[in-house]
Protein backbone atom coordinates (compact mmCIF):
# COMPACT_ATOMS: atom_id res chain seq x y z
CA UNK A 1 1.19 -37.21 -3.45
CA UNK A 2 4.62 -37.70 -4.84
CA UNK A 3 3.62 -37.32 -8.06
CA UNK A 4 2.45 -33.47 -7.17
CA UNK A 5 5.93 -33.13 -5.31
CA UNK A 6 8.12 -33.72 -8.62
CA UNK A 7 5.81 -32.01 -10.52
CA UNK A 8 5.87 -29.01 -8.47
CA UNK A 9 9.44 -29.55 -8.43
CA UNK A 10 9.84 -29.74 -12.20
CA UNK A 11 7.53 -26.81 -12.43
CA UNK A 12 9.66 -24.57 -10.02
CA UNK A 13 12.60 -25.44 -12.36
CA UNK A 14 11.34 -24.38 -15.20
CA UNK A 15 10.85 -21.39 -13.57
CA UNK A 16 14.12 -20.91 -12.93
CA UNK A 17 16.03 -21.89 -15.58
CA UNK A 18 13.56 -19.00 -17.95
CA UNK A 19 14.17 -16.13 -15.38
CA UNK A 20 10.95 -16.33 -14.35
CA UNK A 21 9.44 -14.25 -11.02
CA UNK A 22 7.91 -16.68 -8.90
CA UNK A 23 5.30 -14.02 -6.79
CA UNK A 24 3.33 -16.52 -4.54
CA UNK A 25 1.73 -20.14 -4.26
CA UNK A 26 -1.80 -19.66 -5.19
CA UNK A 27 -2.60 -23.12 -4.42
CA UNK A 28 -0.60 -26.33 -3.65
CA UNK A 29 -0.76 -27.55 -6.59
CA UNK A 30 -0.23 -23.77 -8.29
CA UNK A 31 1.90 -20.88 -8.42
CA UNK A 32 1.60 -17.22 -9.81
CA UNK A 33 4.84 -16.33 -11.56
CA UNK A 34 5.65 -12.72 -13.71
CA UNK A 35 7.72 -13.22 -16.76
CA UNK A 36 10.25 -10.64 -16.47
CA UNK A 37 11.36 -10.46 -20.19
CA UNK A 38 7.07 -9.21 -21.63
CA UNK A 39 5.52 -8.72 -17.67
CA UNK A 40 3.22 -11.19 -17.97
CA UNK A 41 1.42 -12.52 -14.75
CA UNK A 42 -0.17 -15.54 -14.59
CA UNK A 43 -1.05 -19.17 -12.88
CA UNK A 44 0.36 -22.15 -13.65
CA UNK A 45 0.73 -25.63 -12.41
CA UNK A 46 2.87 -27.76 -15.34
CA UNK A 47 6.01 -26.88 -16.32
CA UNK A 48 4.91 -27.08 -20.06
CA UNK A 49 2.42 -23.91 -18.90
CA UNK A 50 6.13 -21.90 -19.35
CA UNK A 51 6.39 -23.44 -22.58
CA UNK A 52 3.94 -22.88 -23.97
CA UNK A 53 3.42 -19.04 -22.43
CA UNK A 54 7.58 -18.36 -24.11
CA UNK A 55 6.30 -19.92 -27.51
CA UNK A 56 3.20 -17.98 -27.59
CA UNK A 57 2.52 -14.82 -30.07
CA UNK A 58 2.01 -12.17 -27.89
CA UNK A 59 5.39 -12.58 -25.57
CA UNK A 60 7.78 -13.35 -29.02
CA UNK A 61 6.25 -9.51 -29.55
CA UNK A 62 6.67 -7.86 -26.76
CA UNK A 63 10.71 -9.70 -26.73
CA UNK A 64 10.70 -7.95 -30.28
CA UNK A 65 9.22 -4.77 -29.44
CA UNK A 66 11.86 -4.88 -26.12
CA UNK A 67 14.98 -5.58 -27.95
CA UNK A 68 17.31 -2.66 -27.19
CA UNK A 69 15.70 -1.77 -24.34
CA UNK A 70 16.71 -1.85 -21.11
CA UNK A 71 14.05 -2.92 -18.36
CA UNK A 72 14.04 -4.67 -15.14
CA UNK A 73 11.32 -5.37 -12.57
CA UNK A 74 11.14 -4.21 -8.72
CA UNK A 75 9.44 -4.71 -5.95
CA UNK A 76 6.50 -1.95 -5.68
CA UNK A 77 6.21 0.18 -1.91
CA UNK A 78 3.39 -1.87 -0.78
CA UNK A 79 5.04 -4.80 -1.94
CA UNK A 80 1.85 -6.33 -3.07
CA UNK A 81 3.52 -6.70 -7.18
CA UNK A 82 6.33 -5.76 -9.07
CA UNK A 83 6.81 -2.88 -11.28
CA UNK A 84 8.34 -2.15 -14.96
CA UNK A 85 11.38 -0.23 -14.31
CA UNK A 86 10.83 1.06 -17.69
CA UNK A 87 7.02 1.93 -17.32
CA UNK A 88 7.98 3.64 -14.04
CA UNK A 89 10.75 6.12 -15.54
CA UNK A 90 8.39 6.54 -18.30
CA UNK A 91 5.38 7.95 -16.27
CA UNK A 92 7.71 9.84 -13.90
CA UNK A 93 9.19 11.73 -16.52
CA UNK A 94 6.23 12.47 -18.61
CA UNK A 95 4.20 13.79 -15.34
CA UNK A 96 7.40 15.32 -14.29
CA UNK A 97 7.21 17.22 -17.72
CA UNK A 98 3.34 18.36 -16.86
CA UNK A 99 1.88 16.45 -19.71
CA UNK A 100 -1.42 14.42 -19.28
CA UNK A 101 -1.48 10.79 -19.28
CA UNK A 102 -4.72 11.37 -21.34
CA UNK A 103 -2.53 12.21 -24.44
CA UNK A 104 -1.52 8.77 -24.57
CA UNK A 105 -5.04 7.76 -25.89
CA UNK A 106 -3.79 9.67 -29.06
CA UNK A 107 -3.48 6.56 -31.97
CA UNK A 108 -1.15 8.25 -33.33
CA UNK A 109 1.32 9.40 -30.46
CA UNK A 110 1.38 5.82 -28.99
CA UNK A 111 2.75 4.45 -32.11
CA UNK A 112 5.11 6.79 -32.65
CA UNK A 113 6.24 6.46 -28.70
CA UNK A 114 5.99 2.73 -29.04
CA UNK A 115 8.18 2.36 -32.16
CA UNK A 116 10.57 4.63 -30.98
CA UNK A 117 11.22 2.89 -27.77
CA UNK A 118 10.42 -0.46 -29.94
CA UNK A 119 8.33 -1.71 -27.01
CA UNK A 120 4.53 -1.59 -26.11
CA UNK A 121 3.28 1.04 -23.63
CA UNK A 122 0.42 0.37 -21.01
CA UNK A 123 -2.69 2.19 -21.57
CA UNK A 124 -2.78 5.88 -19.87
CA UNK A 125 -5.01 4.21 -17.06
CA UNK A 126 -2.67 1.70 -16.38
CA UNK A 127 0.25 4.22 -16.55
CA UNK A 128 -2.01 6.34 -14.02
CA UNK A 129 -3.05 3.70 -11.32
CA UNK A 130 0.25 2.09 -11.31
CA UNK A 131 3.19 3.55 -12.37
CA UNK A 132 1.75 7.39 -11.42
CA UNK A 133 0.69 6.31 -8.21
CA UNK A 134 4.12 4.28 -7.58
CA UNK A 135 6.14 7.23 -8.36
CA UNK A 136 3.94 9.63 -5.89
CA UNK A 137 4.07 7.28 -3.24
CA UNK A 138 8.16 6.51 -3.76
CA UNK A 139 8.43 10.18 -3.41
CA UNK A 140 6.69 10.65 -0.03
CA UNK A 141 8.64 7.89 1.15
CA UNK A 142 11.54 9.77 0.31
CA UNK A 143 10.61 12.92 1.74
CA UNK A 144 9.15 11.05 5.08
CA UNK A 145 12.45 9.91 5.17
CA UNK A 146 14.35 13.39 4.80
CA UNK A 147 11.74 14.68 7.41
CA UNK A 148 12.81 11.87 10.07
CA UNK A 149 16.22 12.40 9.66
CA UNK A 150 16.32 16.18 10.14
CA UNK A 151 14.03 15.91 12.77
CA UNK A 152 16.28 13.21 14.63
CA UNK A 153 19.45 14.81 13.73
CA UNK A 154 17.99 18.16 15.37
CA UNK A 155 17.01 15.83 18.35
CA UNK A 156 20.33 15.02 18.81
CA UNK A 157 21.95 18.49 18.82
CA UNK A 158 19.32 19.91 21.08
CA UNK A 159 20.73 16.92 23.58
CA UNK A 160 24.22 18.08 22.76
CA UNK A 161 23.31 21.30 23.16
CA UNK A 162 21.92 20.84 26.49
CA UNK A 163 24.84 19.00 27.71
CA UNK A 164 27.03 21.91 27.09
CA UNK A 165 24.66 24.33 28.05
CA UNK A 166 24.78 22.17 31.98
CA UNK A 167 28.11 22.45 32.29
CA UNK A 168 29.41 25.17 30.35
CA UNK A 169 32.96 26.45 29.92
CA UNK A 170 34.21 29.70 28.66
CA UNK A 171 36.36 27.72 26.02
CA UNK A 172 33.57 26.23 24.54
CA UNK A 173 31.24 28.88 23.77
CA UNK A 174 32.90 28.42 19.89
CA UNK A 175 31.07 24.96 19.95
CA UNK A 176 28.12 26.42 21.00
CA UNK A 177 27.94 28.73 18.88
CA UNK A 178 28.49 26.01 16.33
CA UNK A 179 25.22 23.89 17.65
CA UNK A 180 23.12 26.88 17.52
CA UNK A 181 23.62 27.65 14.25
CA UNK A 182 23.13 23.88 13.25
CA UNK A 183 19.64 24.11 15.43
CA UNK A 184 18.50 26.94 13.13
CA UNK A 185 19.47 25.24 9.58
CA UNK A 186 17.78 22.31 11.48
CA UNK A 187 14.65 23.85 11.99
CA UNK A 188 14.64 25.69 8.48
CA UNK A 189 15.09 21.88 7.08
CA UNK A 190 12.23 20.55 9.14
CA UNK A 191 10.11 23.72 8.04
CA UNK A 192 11.00 22.98 4.43
CA UNK A 193 9.72 19.71 5.22
CA UNK A 194 6.02 20.90 6.42
CA UNK A 195 4.10 21.25 3.40
CA UNK A 196 4.07 17.41 3.20
CA UNK A 197 2.26 16.80 5.84
CA UNK A 198 -0.44 19.72 5.51
CA UNK A 199 -3.03 17.27 5.23
CA UNK A 200 -1.58 15.07 8.90
CA UNK A 201 -3.73 15.58 11.80
CA UNK A 202 -2.07 14.13 15.04
CA UNK A 203 -4.31 13.52 18.51
CA UNK A 204 -3.28 15.99 21.10
CA UNK A 205 -3.26 12.77 23.04
CA UNK A 206 -0.64 11.93 21.42
CA UNK A 207 1.70 15.20 22.46
CA UNK A 208 0.63 13.85 25.69
CA UNK A 209 2.21 10.35 25.74
CA UNK A 210 5.50 12.28 24.79
CA UNK A 211 5.17 15.14 27.31
CA UNK A 212 4.97 11.81 30.02
CA UNK A 213 7.79 10.16 28.19
CA UNK A 214 6.19 7.56 26.53
CA UNK A 215 6.42 6.37 23.41
CA UNK A 216 3.95 7.63 20.84
CA UNK A 217 3.04 4.12 19.38
CA UNK A 218 1.13 3.45 22.58
CA UNK A 219 -1.25 5.86 21.95
CA UNK A 220 -2.46 3.22 18.75
CA UNK A 221 -2.03 0.54 21.19
CA UNK A 222 -4.21 1.62 23.91
CA UNK A 223 -6.72 3.26 20.93
CA UNK A 224 -6.58 -0.66 19.37
CA UNK A 225 -7.48 -1.75 22.79
CA UNK A 226 -9.99 0.87 24.30
CA UNK A 227 -11.94 0.22 20.52
CA UNK A 228 -11.99 -3.79 20.98
CA UNK A 229 -13.38 -3.55 24.47
CA UNK A 230 -15.88 -1.23 22.87
CA UNK A 231 -16.92 -3.57 20.47
CA UNK A 232 -17.25 -6.17 22.96
CA UNK A 233 -19.76 -4.48 25.00
CA UNK A 234 -21.72 -3.11 22.03
CA UNK A 235 -21.92 -6.93 20.86
CA UNK A 236 -23.35 -7.75 23.96
CA UNK A 237 -25.96 -4.95 24.12
CA UNK A 238 -26.65 -6.03 20.60
CA UNK A 239 -27.18 -9.63 21.37
CA UNK A 240 -29.51 -9.06 24.81
CA UNK A 241 -31.43 -6.87 22.64
CA UNK A 242 -31.79 -9.51 20.37
CA UNK A 243 -32.52 -12.61 22.71
CA UNK A 244 -35.36 -10.21 24.72
CA UNK A 245 -37.36 -9.43 21.23
CA UNK A 246 -36.74 -12.99 20.60
CA UNK A 247 -38.12 -14.06 23.92
CA UNK A 248 -40.59 -10.93 23.68
CA UNK A 249 -41.90 -12.42 20.35
CA UNK A 250 -42.05 -16.42 21.87
CA UNK A 251 -44.50 -15.33 25.13
CA UNK A 252 -46.56 -12.39 22.64
CA UNK A 253 -47.42 -15.34 20.58
CA UNK A 254 -48.76 -17.67 23.42
CA UNK A 255 -50.77 -14.70 24.92
CA UNK A 256 -52.07 -12.83 22.01
CA UNK A 257 -51.69 -15.22 18.44
CA UNK A 258 -53.24 -13.26 16.27
CA UNK A 259 -52.25 -9.73 17.29
CA UNK A 260 -48.35 -11.34 16.16
CA UNK A 261 -49.90 -13.06 12.99
CA UNK A 262 -51.21 -9.57 11.92
CA UNK A 263 -47.46 -7.75 12.95
CA UNK A 264 -45.54 -10.26 10.77
CA UNK A 265 -47.48 -10.12 8.10
CA UNK A 266 -47.52 -6.45 8.24
CA UNK A 267 -43.59 -6.35 8.94
CA UNK A 268 -42.77 -8.99 5.55
CA UNK A 269 -45.08 -6.54 3.63
CA UNK A 270 -42.97 -3.15 4.45
CA UNK A 271 -39.95 -5.35 3.78
CA UNK A 272 -41.04 -6.30 0.51
CA UNK A 273 -41.98 -2.33 -0.70
CA UNK A 274 -38.70 -1.41 1.00
CA UNK A 275 -36.66 -4.08 -1.32
CA UNK A 276 -39.06 -3.02 -4.27
């Protein structure tokens, strides 16, 4: 046990020395790391695995191609992997210009770009599945943040207006006019965010929770509790029918053994035909 512990300490020291990122513990005696210089991810259990990787031809080739290019890794929006910033920015610019990623299947074009960037480019499939998706998710996250902020500011503005109107003073007319103008601008901001929620369907019960002054997130909680309760009842019914079936076959075997034997043979034949 002491040997394993010292080996793991030595491995983690080597990981830090060479600037590798430790993603997760794959096993108590192994860790998954990612090389920031060549973006290679692999599982290692010994410190010499790091040394072997650094001295490998693929690593050296990738490092040479990347010389003169600044590229870092950042955590994806789903937080399940690290994303290369250069590949992300390249994909975002390429797709943003309206160019199809499939064009990178052209060997001449891809080689030209790699020589210009002095680094290898992933396949169009990888760029699409990983980096284009990541760019879309980050843009959507930013838009959602803007929409949420606009709604919060609009609600706060309405709250302040209600206070001013409930105790209205003539000298406060100019301030009230400003709040009304802010309300109109706020509605325009919210309306501009509307397109990103075209495919979002909100259950009517959520609005009932809001109208009753309840947290709308309670709807999800209560829905899950209801689903779990229904699942328990359904599972109980299934088990009851299974027990009844087993008990019925047992009783039928003792009363009509020939009939049950024929039934089981027919059932086996039917199952064989279905799977065949």
